[in-house]
Amino acid sequence: MRNPLRSEAEAYRFLGVIIVSAAVIIAAAFINTWLGVAVAVIVFGALGWWLMHEPVPGVAETPPVVTSATPPGTHRVLVVAPPGTETVTVPDGAEVLVVVPALASTRESLTGAVDDRRHDAEATAAALESRLQGARVEVGADDPALAVEDALRVFGADEVLVAGDYGMLEAIRGRVALPVGRA
């Protein structure tokens, strides 16, 4: 389920639906108590269905393709390493930024219980930073493609290397206009 209050307009729309729903329940309860209960059950069911099936704003739109520019004579590599990665292979002589996304399950994301995942990502980041001399290592968002987009905004990479599984590689490849390969 998504947060229905992502913008002020959605908050007012949600408030309007709640006020109209409450008025209908009160009117039905005024006519007959059991009619009010029945209407309340229907209204809450419809509200739950609406929240679950209302499309998330922006999902239907194709995500923007993020490009990057690096200074001449510099080769920058962005490496995506999921938590638990012990080593990654990077090209010699390149500026390297390693992003460790704090991967969380859907249930953890919905409940906000992502602290353990973030801790795992921070531990992996610290281990990789000690092994990769001269590389910057950061913890990124829980969505690997979003973590790459965020990193590209501050680190103009020439290529992206992914140490994760094929699904992660394809998700990132679909969102960036850079060469994406395996690390």
C-alpha atoms as a PDB file:
ATOM      1  CA  MET A   1       0.000   0.000   0.000  1.00  0.00           C
ATOM      2  CA  ARG A   2       1.240   3.484  -0.732  1.00  0.00           C
ATOM      3  CA  ASN A   3       1.027   6.676   1.256  1.00  0.00           C
ATOM      4  CA  PRO A   4      -2.065   8.544  -0.050  1.00  0.00           C
ATOM      5  CA  LEU A   5      -0.653  11.878   1.153  1.00  0.00           C
ATOM      6  CA  ARG A   6       2.285  12.381  -1.234  1.00  0.00           C
ATOM      7  CA  SER A   7       1.196  15.888  -2.202  1.00  0.00           C
ATOM      8  CA  GLU A   8      -1.031  18.636  -0.873  1.00  0.00           C
ATOM      9  CA  ALA A   9      -3.586  18.018  -3.624  1.00  0.00           C
ATOM     10  CA  GLU A  10      -3.785  14.320  -2.721  1.00  0.00           C
ATOM     11  CA  ALA A  11      -4.134  15.198   0.962  1.00  0.00           C
ATOM     12  CA  TYR A  12      -7.124  17.443   0.225  1.00  0.00           C
ATOM     13  CA  ARG A  13      -8.643  14.832  -2.067  1.00  0.00           C
ATOM     14  CA  PHE A  14      -8.228  12.192   0.638  1.00  0.00           C
ATOM     15  CA  LEU A  15      -9.741  14.537   3.237  1.00  0.00           C
ATOM     16  CA  GLY A  16     -12.711  15.167   0.924  1.00  0.00           C
ATOM     17  CA  VAL A  17     -13.302  11.438   0.519  1.00  0.00           C
ATOM     18  CA  ILE A  18     -13.156  10.944   4.305  1.00  0.00           C
ATOM     19  CA  ILE A  19     -15.618  13.794   4.976  1.00  0.00           C
ATOM     20  CA  VAL A  20     -18.099  12.560   2.350  1.00  0.00           C
ATOM     21  CA  SER A  21     -17.764   8.985   3.643  1.00  0.00           C
ATOM     22  CA  ALA A  22     -18.393  10.098   7.231  1.00  0.00           C
ATOM     23  CA  ALA A  23     -21.452  12.097   6.141  1.00  0.00           C
ATOM     24  CA  VAL A  24     -22.898   9.069   4.305  1.00  0.00           C
ATOM     25  CA  ILE A  25     -22.290   6.794   7.324  1.00  0.00           C
ATOM     26  CA  ILE A  26     -23.909   9.317   9.705  1.00  0.00           C
ATOM     27  CA  ALA A  27     -26.928   9.768   7.422  1.00  0.00           C
ATOM     28  CA  ALA A  28     -27.381   6.001   7.095  1.00  0.00           C
ATOM     29  CA  ALA A  29     -27.014   5.527  10.865  1.00  0.00           C
ATOM     30  CA  PHE A  30     -29.609   8.250  11.439  1.00  0.00           C
ATOM     31  CA  ILE A  31     -32.075   6.294   9.285  1.00  0.00           C
ATOM     32  CA  ASN A  32     -31.295   2.925  10.894  1.00  0.00           C
ATOM     33  CA  THR A  33     -28.379   1.780  13.077  1.00  0.00           C
ATOM     34  CA  TRP A  34     -27.826  -1.427  11.112  1.00  0.00           C
ATOM     35  CA  LEU A  35     -27.978   0.474   7.839  1.00  0.00           C
ATOM     36  CA  GLY A  36     -25.237   2.723   9.237  1.00  0.00           C
ATOM     37  CA  VAL A  37     -23.109  -0.311  10.122  1.00  0.00           C
ATOM     38  CA  ALA A  38     -23.626  -1.801   6.649  1.00  0.00           C
ATOM     39  CA  VAL A  39     -22.734   1.491   4.958  1.00  0.00           C
ATOM     40  CA  ALA A  40     -19.635   1.847   7.176  1.00  0.00           C
ATOM     41  CA  VAL A  41     -18.448  -1.635   6.171  1.00  0.00           C
ATOM     42  CA  ILE A  42     -19.001  -0.815   2.494  1.00  0.00           C
ATOM     43  CA  VAL A  43     -17.311   2.582   2.784  1.00  0.00           C
ATOM     44  CA  PHE A  44     -14.252   1.197   4.593  1.00  0.00           C
ATOM     45  CA  GLY A  45     -13.995  -1.646   2.079  1.00  0.00           C
ATOM     46  CA  ALA A  46     -14.210   0.806  -0.832  1.00  0.00           C
ATOM     47  CA  LEU A  47     -11.652   3.093   0.802  1.00  0.00           C
ATOM     48  CA  GLY A  48      -9.256   0.178   1.292  1.00  0.00           C
ATOM     49  CA  TRP A  49      -9.749  -0.946  -2.305  1.00  0.00           C
ATOM     50  CA  TRP A  50      -9.146   2.616  -3.551  1.00  0.00           C
ATOM     51  CA  LEU A  51      -5.913   2.944  -1.566  1.00  0.00           C
ATOM     52  CA  MET A  52      -4.656  -0.428  -2.819  1.00  0.00           C
ATOM     53  CA  HIS A  53      -5.585   0.044  -6.490  1.00  0.00           C
ATOM     54  CA  GLU A  54      -5.093   3.759  -7.035  1.00  0.00           C
ATOM     55  CA  PRO A  55      -2.055   4.053  -9.294  1.00  0.00           C
ATOM     56  CA  VAL A  56       0.998   5.613  -7.743  1.00  0.00           C
ATOM     57  CA  PRO A  57       1.621   9.008  -9.350  1.00  0.00           C
ATOM     58  CA  GLY A  58       4.333   8.820 -11.975  1.00  0.00           C
ATOM     59  CA  VAL A  59       4.336   5.017 -12.345  1.00  0.00           C
ATOM     60  CA  ALA A  60       2.749   5.088 -15.791  1.00  0.00           C
ATOM     61  CA  GLU A  61       5.333   7.588 -16.980  1.00  0.00           C
ATOM     62  CA  THR A  62       8.567   6.176 -18.292  1.00  0.00           C
ATOM     63  CA  PRO A  63      11.398   7.024 -15.899  1.00  0.00           C
ATOM     64  CA  PRO A  64      13.831   9.627 -17.170  1.00  0.00           C
ATOM     65  CA  VAL A  65      17.060   8.287 -18.555  1.00  0.00           C
ATOM     66  CA  VAL A  66      19.941   9.635 -16.515  1.00  0.00           C
ATOM     67  CA  THR A  67      23.122  10.524 -18.358  1.00  0.00           C
ATOM     68  CA  SER A  68      26.432  11.583 -16.968  1.00  0.00           C
ATOM     69  CA  ALA A  69      29.351  13.765 -18.017  1.00  0.00           C
ATOM     70  CA  THR A  70      32.910  13.405 -16.792  1.00  0.00           C
ATOM     71  CA  PRO A  71      35.841  15.760 -17.187  1.00  0.00           C
ATOM     72  CA  PRO A  72      38.129  14.985 -20.154  1.00  0.00           C
ATOM     73  CA  GLY A  73      40.932  12.527 -19.403  1.00  0.00           C
ATOM     74  CA  THR A  74      39.094  11.010 -16.459  1.00  0.00           C
ATOM     75  CA  HIS A  75      37.509   7.561 -16.352  1.00  0.00           C
ATOM     76  CA  ARG A  76      34.892   7.236 -13.636  1.00  0.00           C
ATOM     77  CA  VAL A  77      33.246   3.986 -12.654  1.00  0.00           C
ATOM     78  CA  LEU A  78      30.176   3.584 -10.485  1.00  0.00           C
ATOM     79  CA  VAL A  79      30.019   0.155  -8.842  1.00  0.00           C
ATOM     80  CA  VAL A  80      26.799  -1.182  -7.307  1.00  0.00           C
ATOM     81  CA  ALA A  81      27.503  -3.824  -4.661  1.00  0.00           C
ATOM     82  CA  PRO A  82      24.628  -5.384  -2.703  1.00  0.00           C
ATOM     83  CA  PRO A  83      25.042  -5.944   1.044  1.00  0.00           C
ATOM     84  CA  GLY A  84      27.253  -8.940   1.744  1.00  0.00           C
ATOM     85  CA  THR A  85      29.579  -8.303  -1.196  1.00  0.00           C
ATOM     86  CA  GLU A  86      33.134  -8.959  -0.078  1.00  0.00           C
ATOM     87  CA  THR A  87      35.157  -7.880  -3.115  1.00  0.00           C
ATOM     88  CA  VAL A  88      34.607  -6.160  -6.443  1.00  0.00           C
ATOM     89  CA  THR A  89      36.885  -5.838  -9.440  1.00  0.00           C
ATOM     90  CA  VAL A  90      37.375  -2.309 -10.734  1.00  0.00           C
ATOM     91  CA  PRO A  91      39.445  -1.018 -13.669  1.00  0.00           C
ATOM     92  CA  ASP A  92      42.923   0.295 -12.850  1.00  0.00           C
ATOM     93  CA  GLY A  93      43.388   4.062 -12.931  1.00  0.00           C
ATOM     94  CA  ALA A  94      39.687   4.872 -12.671  1.00  0.00           C
ATOM     95  CA  GLU A  95      37.936   7.054 -10.137  1.00  0.00           C
ATOM     96  CA  VAL A  96      35.589   4.673  -8.350  1.00  0.00           C
ATOM     97  CA  LEU A  97      32.420   5.240  -6.367  1.00  0.00           C
ATOM     98  CA  VAL A  98      30.912   2.131  -4.811  1.00  0.00           C
ATOM     99  CA  VAL A  99      27.237   2.349  -3.870  1.00  0.00           C
ATOM    100  CA  VAL A 100      25.806  -0.261  -1.509  1.00  0.00           C
ATOM    101  CA  PRO A 101      21.989  -0.135  -1.709  1.00  0.00           C
ATOM    102  CA  ALA A 102      20.228  -0.848   1.581  1.00  0.00           C
ATOM    103  CA  LEU A 103      18.076  -3.604   0.070  1.00  0.00           C
ATOM    104  CA  ALA A 104      14.875  -4.184   2.031  1.00  0.00           C
ATOM    105  CA  SER A 105      11.906  -6.473   1.452  1.00  0.00           C
ATOM    106  CA  THR A 106       8.517  -5.025   0.588  1.00  0.00           C
ATOM    107  CA  ARG A 107       7.256  -5.757   4.107  1.00  0.00           C
ATOM    108  CA  GLU A 108      10.255  -4.002   5.672  1.00  0.00           C
ATOM    109  CA  SER A 109       9.790  -1.010   3.389  1.00  0.00           C
ATOM    110  CA  LEU A 110       6.078  -0.733   4.214  1.00  0.00           C
ATOM    111  CA  THR A 111       6.623  -0.982   7.958  1.00  0.00           C
ATOM    112  CA  GLY A 112       9.703   1.238   7.958  1.00  0.00           C
ATOM    113  CA  ALA A 113      11.799  -1.517   9.555  1.00  0.00           C
ATOM    114  CA  VAL A 114      14.806  -0.932   7.322  1.00  0.00           C
ATOM    115  CA  ASP A 115      17.334  -0.184  10.069  1.00  0.00           C
ATOM    116  CA  ASP A 116      18.805  -3.711   9.980  1.00  0.00           C
ATOM    117  CA  ARG A 117      19.182  -3.562   6.193  1.00  0.00           C
ATOM    118  CA  ARG A 118      20.842  -0.168   6.425  1.00  0.00           C
ATOM    119  CA  HIS A 119      23.206  -1.551   9.091  1.00  0.00           C
ATOM    120  CA  ASP A 120      24.096  -4.474   6.767  1.00  0.00           C
ATOM    121  CA  ALA A 121      24.753  -2.032   3.922  1.00  0.00           C
ATOM    122  CA  GLU A 122      26.919   0.171   6.159  1.00  0.00           C
ATOM    123  CA  ALA A 123      28.964  -2.868   7.270  1.00  0.00           C
ATOM    124  CA  THR A 124      29.495  -3.901   3.644  1.00  0.00           C
ATOM    125  CA  ALA A 125      30.426  -0.329   2.721  1.00  0.00           C
ATOM    126  CA  ALA A 126      33.010  -0.164   5.499  1.00  0.00           C
ATOM    127  CA  ALA A 127      34.522  -3.523   4.468  1.00  0.00           C
ATOM    128  CA  LEU A 128      34.725  -2.511   0.798  1.00  0.00           C
ATOM    129  CA  GLU A 129      36.212   0.878   1.654  1.00  0.00           C
ATOM    130  CA  SER A 130      39.047  -0.818   3.533  1.00  0.00           C
ATOM    131  CA  ARG A 131      39.716  -3.198   0.603  1.00  0.00           C
ATOM    132  CA  LEU A 132      39.452  -0.681  -2.270  1.00  0.00           C
ATOM    133  CA  GLN A 133      42.158   1.939  -1.806  1.00  0.00           C
ATOM    134  CA  GLY A 134      41.193   5.331  -3.243  1.00  0.00           C
ATOM    135  CA  ALA A 135      37.554   4.440  -3.808  1.00  0.00           C
ATOM    136  CA  ARG A 136      34.653   6.295  -2.265  1.00  0.00           C
ATOM    137  CA  VAL A 137      31.992   4.040  -0.792  1.00  0.00           C
ATOM    138  CA  GLU A 138      28.447   5.124   0.090  1.00  0.00           C
ATOM    139  CA  VAL A 139      25.219   3.537   1.250  1.00  0.00           C
ATOM    140  CA  GLY A 140      22.401   4.169  -1.185  1.00  0.00           C
ATOM    141  CA  ALA A 141      18.619   3.951  -1.384  1.00  0.00           C
ATOM    142  CA  ASP A 142      16.820   0.624  -0.959  1.00  0.00           C
ATOM    143  CA  ASP A 143      16.081   0.489  -4.715  1.00  0.00           C
ATOM    144  CA  PRO A 144      19.338  -0.181  -6.603  1.00  0.00           C
ATOM    145  CA  ALA A 145      18.231   1.754  -9.701  1.00  0.00           C
ATOM    146  CA  LEU A 146      17.304   4.750  -7.543  1.00  0.00           C
ATOM    147  CA  ALA A 147      20.629   4.474  -5.711  1.00  0.00           C
ATOM    148  CA  VAL A 148      22.421   4.628  -9.076  1.00  0.00           C
ATOM    149  CA  GLU A 149      20.369   7.630 -10.207  1.00  0.00           C
ATOM    150  CA  ASP A 150      21.172   9.428  -6.951  1.00  0.00           C
ATOM    151  CA  ALA A 151      24.883   8.631  -7.277  1.00  0.00           C
ATOM    152  CA  LEU A 152      25.016   9.801 -10.896  1.00  0.00           C
ATOM    153  CA  ARG A 153      23.699  13.199  -9.859  1.00  0.00           C
ATOM    154  CA  VAL A 154      26.863  13.818  -7.815  1.00  0.00           C
ATOM    155  CA  PHE A 155      29.373  11.485  -9.489  1.00  0.00           C
ATOM    156  CA  GLY A 156      29.562  11.697 -13.276  1.00  0.00           C
ATOM    157  CA  ALA A 157      30.396   8.095 -14.156  1.00  0.00           C
ATOM    158  CA  ASP A 158      31.380   6.759 -17.570  1.00  0.00           C
ATOM    159  CA  GLU A 159      30.120   3.271 -16.822  1.00  0.00           C
ATOM    160  CA  VAL A 160      28.215   1.339 -14.187  1.00  0.00           C
ATOM    161  CA  LEU A 161      29.376  -2.049 -12.921  1.00  0.00           C
ATOM    162  CA  VAL A 162      26.923  -4.225 -10.990  1.00  0.00           C
ATOM    163  CA  ALA A 163      28.065  -6.909  -8.562  1.00  0.00           C
ATOM    164  CA  GLY A 164      24.489  -8.045  -7.915  1.00  0.00           C
ATOM    165  CA  ASP A 165      22.224 -10.499  -9.668  1.00  0.00           C
ATOM    166  CA  TYR A 166      20.927 -10.287 -13.237  1.00  0.00           C
ATOM    167  CA  GLY A 167      17.614  -8.702 -12.162  1.00  0.00           C
ATOM    168  CA  MET A 168      19.465  -5.839 -10.487  1.00  0.00           C
ATOM    169  CA  LEU A 169      21.623  -5.413 -13.592  1.00  0.00           C
ATOM    170  CA  GLU A 170      18.586  -5.217 -15.889  1.00  0.00           C
ATOM    171  CA  ALA A 171      16.726  -2.801 -13.586  1.00  0.00           C
ATOM    172  CA  ILE A 172      19.702  -0.449 -13.618  1.00  0.00           C
ATOM    173  CA  ARG A 173      20.287  -0.894 -17.351  1.00  0.00           C
ATOM    174  CA  GLY A 174      16.696   0.207 -17.998  1.00  0.00           C
ATOM    175  CA  ARG A 175      17.121   3.441 -16.040  1.00  0.00           C
ATOM    176  CA  VAL A 176      20.509   4.826 -17.120  1.00  0.00           C
ATOM    177  CA  ALA A 177      21.984   5.767 -20.491  1.00  0.00           C
ATOM    178  CA  LEU A 178      25.452   4.502 -19.647  1.00  0.00           C
ATOM    179  CA  PRO A 179      27.150   1.205 -20.329  1.00  0.00           C
ATOM    180  CA  VAL A 180      26.119  -1.215 -17.571  1.00  0.00           C
ATOM    181  CA  GLY A 181      28.115  -4.403 -17.031  1.00  0.00           C
ATOM    182  CA  ARG A 182      29.020  -7.007 -14.438  1.00  0.00           C
ATOM    183  CA  ALA A 183      31.606  -6.229 -11.767  1.00  0.00           C
END
